[in-house]
Amino acid sequence: MKIDFSSIGADSTSFVLSGSDIAFANALRRSMQSEVMSFAIEDVRIYDNTSALFDEMLAHRLGLIPLTTDLQSYIPRDQCSCGGKGCAQCTVTLTMSVEGPRMVISEDLISQDPAVQPAVGQVPIVKLEKNQKVVLEAQAILNRGLVHSKWQPVTICGYKNYPLITPETRCDG
């Protein structure tokens, strides 16, 4: 088996896996989606929401915002000494206080830790009209994509099968 990296960027990586079969490539893809630790918003405390979205939909949208992850400073909540209550070792708090009229975007989330921020700043959350506002506090924790898709660290993870074509020796074309 051989891996040749075609490109390594801040947001994407491409590589060629050779000398293995399709089943191994698919297992590698599934592992990248389900076993790599990532931050995601788990608990949301909404103090004021006069937007058109129900609190549950707002919390759902917040949970799907990709967050940058600092694996050196945090541990998963189920392995923490706090017993799952949430502390500075396993939880990052993000706050938001926005008034309309405007589009609320992921950049409006303010993190207590600069290392854990929305990975993409322009993800739309909800559009606020005049006199509407959203005030909330959210807690992000580490977990795996195996538990829920919001913890999947990759958006697109796929592979292509490049067939080996060997022409016949009697071919004159």
Protein backbone atom coordinates (compact mmCIF):
# COMPACT_ATOMS: atom_id res chain seq x y z
CA MET A 1 0.00 0.00 0.00
CA LYS A 2 1.24 3.47 -0.89
CA ILE A 3 -0.16 6.95 -0.23
CA ASP A 4 0.90 9.90 -2.40
CA PHE A 5 -0.45 13.29 -1.33
CA SER A 6 -1.52 15.42 -4.29
CA SER A 7 -2.36 18.51 -2.25
CA ILE A 8 -2.49 19.47 1.41
CA GLY A 9 -4.37 22.65 2.20
CA ALA A 10 -5.96 24.32 5.19
CA ASP A 11 -9.43 23.13 4.15
CA SER A 12 -8.82 20.11 1.95
CA THR A 13 -6.41 17.29 1.23
CA SER A 14 -6.17 15.01 -1.78
CA PHE A 15 -4.16 11.83 -2.02
CA VAL A 16 -3.76 8.73 -4.16
CA LEU A 17 -3.99 5.39 -2.39
CA SER A 18 -2.42 2.61 -4.41
CA GLY A 19 -1.70 -1.03 -3.74
CA SER A 20 -4.95 -1.66 -1.84
CA ASP A 21 -8.44 -2.77 -2.68
CA ILE A 22 -11.75 -0.87 -2.72
CA ALA A 23 -12.83 -2.31 0.64
CA PHE A 24 -9.78 -0.80 2.38
CA ALA A 25 -10.32 2.58 0.68
CA ASN A 26 -13.94 2.59 1.84
CA ALA A 27 -12.90 1.61 5.39
CA LEU A 28 -10.39 4.48 5.42
CA ARG A 29 -13.10 6.90 4.22
CA ARG A 30 -15.54 5.71 6.88
CA SER A 31 -12.87 6.00 9.59
CA MET A 32 -12.13 9.59 8.61
CA GLN A 33 -15.83 10.43 8.92
CA SER A 34 -16.64 8.54 12.10
CA GLU A 35 -13.55 8.08 14.27
CA VAL A 36 -11.71 11.43 14.15
CA MET A 37 -12.49 13.71 17.13
CA SER A 38 -14.12 17.06 16.40
CA PHE A 39 -15.84 19.92 18.26
CA ALA A 40 -19.55 20.57 17.78
CA ILE A 41 -22.19 22.49 19.69
CA GLU A 42 -24.12 20.10 21.92
CA ASP A 43 -26.01 22.21 24.48
CA VAL A 44 -27.69 25.55 23.73
CA ARG A 45 -29.26 27.85 26.28
CA ILE A 46 -31.46 30.38 24.46
CA TYR A 47 -32.20 33.49 26.50
CA ASP A 48 -34.07 35.44 23.85
CA ASN A 49 -35.23 34.34 20.41
CA THR A 50 -37.74 36.51 18.60
CA SER A 51 -36.69 35.27 15.16
CA ALA A 52 -38.91 33.27 12.82
CA LEU A 53 -37.14 30.02 13.82
CA PHE A 54 -38.26 27.84 16.70
CA ASP A 55 -35.67 27.38 19.45
CA GLU A 56 -35.19 23.74 18.45
CA MET A 57 -34.41 24.61 14.82
CA LEU A 58 -32.01 27.34 15.89
CA ALA A 59 -30.18 24.90 18.18
CA HIS A 60 -30.07 22.30 15.40
CA ARG A 61 -28.52 24.78 12.96
CA LEU A 62 -25.93 25.81 15.54
CA GLY A 63 -25.00 22.17 16.09
CA LEU A 64 -24.19 21.72 12.41
CA ILE A 65 -21.74 24.65 12.21
CA PRO A 66 -18.21 23.26 11.75
CA LEU A 67 -15.81 24.38 14.50
CA THR A 68 -12.03 24.38 14.52
CA THR A 69 -10.70 21.80 16.95
CA ASP A 70 -7.85 21.99 19.47
CA LEU A 71 -7.15 18.35 20.40
CA GLN A 72 -4.17 19.23 22.62
CA SER A 73 -6.12 21.38 25.08
CA TYR A 74 -9.36 19.41 25.46
CA ILE A 75 -10.52 15.90 26.25
CA PRO A 76 -13.86 14.20 25.48
CA ARG A 77 -16.56 14.86 28.05
CA ASP A 78 -17.05 11.14 28.79
CA GLN A 79 -13.36 10.86 29.78
CA CYS A 80 -13.28 14.05 31.87
CA SER A 81 -12.98 14.07 35.66
CA CYS A 82 -16.04 16.37 35.90
CA GLY A 83 -18.29 13.40 35.26
CA GLY A 84 -19.99 14.89 32.19
CA LYS A 85 -21.10 18.12 33.86
CA GLY A 86 -18.89 20.28 31.64
CA CYS A 87 -15.71 22.06 32.69
CA ALA A 88 -12.83 23.98 31.12
CA GLN A 89 -11.07 20.71 30.18
CA CYS A 90 -13.92 19.30 28.11
CA THR A 91 -16.23 22.19 27.14
CA VAL A 92 -15.95 25.44 25.21
CA THR A 93 -18.62 28.10 25.65
CA LEU A 94 -19.74 30.22 22.71
CA THR A 95 -22.08 33.19 23.05
CA MET A 96 -24.18 35.20 20.61
CA SER A 97 -26.16 38.41 20.96
CA VAL A 98 -27.49 39.78 17.68
CA GLU A 99 -30.28 42.24 16.80
CA GLY A 100 -31.95 42.71 13.42
CA PRO A 101 -32.43 43.66 10.74
CA ARG A 102 -29.61 41.46 9.42
CA MET A 103 -28.54 37.92 8.63
CA VAL A 104 -27.11 36.05 11.61
CA ILE A 105 -24.00 34.15 10.52
CA SER A 106 -21.61 31.74 12.20
CA GLU A 107 -19.07 34.55 12.58
CA ASP A 108 -21.41 36.06 15.19
CA LEU A 109 -20.58 33.22 17.61
CA ILE A 110 -18.02 34.47 20.16
CA SER A 111 -15.88 31.73 21.67
CA GLN A 112 -14.23 31.80 25.08
CA ASP A 113 -11.22 30.07 23.46
CA PRO A 114 -9.71 31.66 20.33
CA ALA A 115 -8.53 28.20 19.17
CA VAL A 116 -12.13 26.99 18.84
CA GLN A 117 -13.99 29.15 16.33
CA PRO A 118 -16.43 28.53 13.48
CA ALA A 119 -14.33 27.03 10.68
CA VAL A 120 -16.34 28.97 8.08
CA GLY A 121 -17.42 32.47 9.07
CA GLN A 122 -20.22 33.06 6.57
CA VAL A 123 -22.57 30.14 7.37
CA PRO A 124 -26.09 31.65 7.54
CA ILE A 125 -28.10 30.77 10.64
CA VAL A 126 -31.25 32.92 10.59
CA LYS A 127 -32.45 36.19 9.06
CA LEU A 128 -33.63 38.75 11.59
CA GLU A 129 -36.12 41.49 10.78
CA LYS A 130 -36.47 44.81 12.61
CA ASN A 131 -36.96 44.40 16.39
CA GLN A 132 -35.98 40.71 16.32
CA LYS A 133 -33.01 39.36 18.26
CA VAL A 134 -31.20 36.21 19.27
CA VAL A 135 -29.31 35.93 22.57
CA LEU A 136 -27.85 32.56 23.48
CA GLU A 137 -25.05 30.59 25.09
CA ALA A 138 -23.83 27.34 23.56
CA GLN A 139 -21.46 24.64 24.78
CA ALA A 140 -19.28 22.74 22.32
CA ILE A 141 -17.75 19.40 23.22
CA LEU A 142 -15.43 16.87 21.60
CA ASN A 143 -16.89 13.69 20.19
CA ARG A 144 -16.78 11.39 17.17
CA GLY A 145 -18.89 11.37 14.02
CA LEU A 146 -19.93 7.85 14.96
CA VAL A 147 -22.17 9.37 17.68
CA HIS A 148 -23.80 12.03 15.46
CA SER A 149 -23.07 13.54 12.06
CA LYS A 150 -22.48 16.99 13.60
CA TRP A 151 -19.14 15.66 14.91
CA GLN A 152 -17.94 14.52 11.50
CA PRO A 153 -14.75 16.49 10.85
CA VAL A 154 -15.07 16.20 7.08
CA THR A 155 -17.79 17.47 4.82
CA ILE A 156 -16.96 15.40 1.77
CA CYS A 157 -14.85 12.30 1.99
CA GLY A 158 -14.91 10.10 -1.05
CA TYR A 159 -12.81 8.05 -3.36
CA LYS A 160 -12.58 7.16 -7.04
CA ASN A 161 -11.51 3.85 -8.39
CA TYR A 162 -8.87 4.28 -11.10
CA PRO A 163 -8.93 1.08 -13.15
CA LEU A 164 -5.71 -0.33 -14.52
CA ILE A 165 -6.01 -0.69 -18.27
CA THR A 166 -3.43 -2.85 -19.98
CA PRO A 167 -3.70 -3.00 -23.77
CA GLU A 168 -3.28 -6.30 -25.57
CA THR A 169 0.10 -6.79 -27.24
CA ARG A 170 -1.62 -7.61 -30.50
CA CYS A 171 -3.40 -4.24 -30.53
CA ASP A 172 -2.15 -1.98 -33.30
CA GLY A 173 -4.31 1.06 -32.41
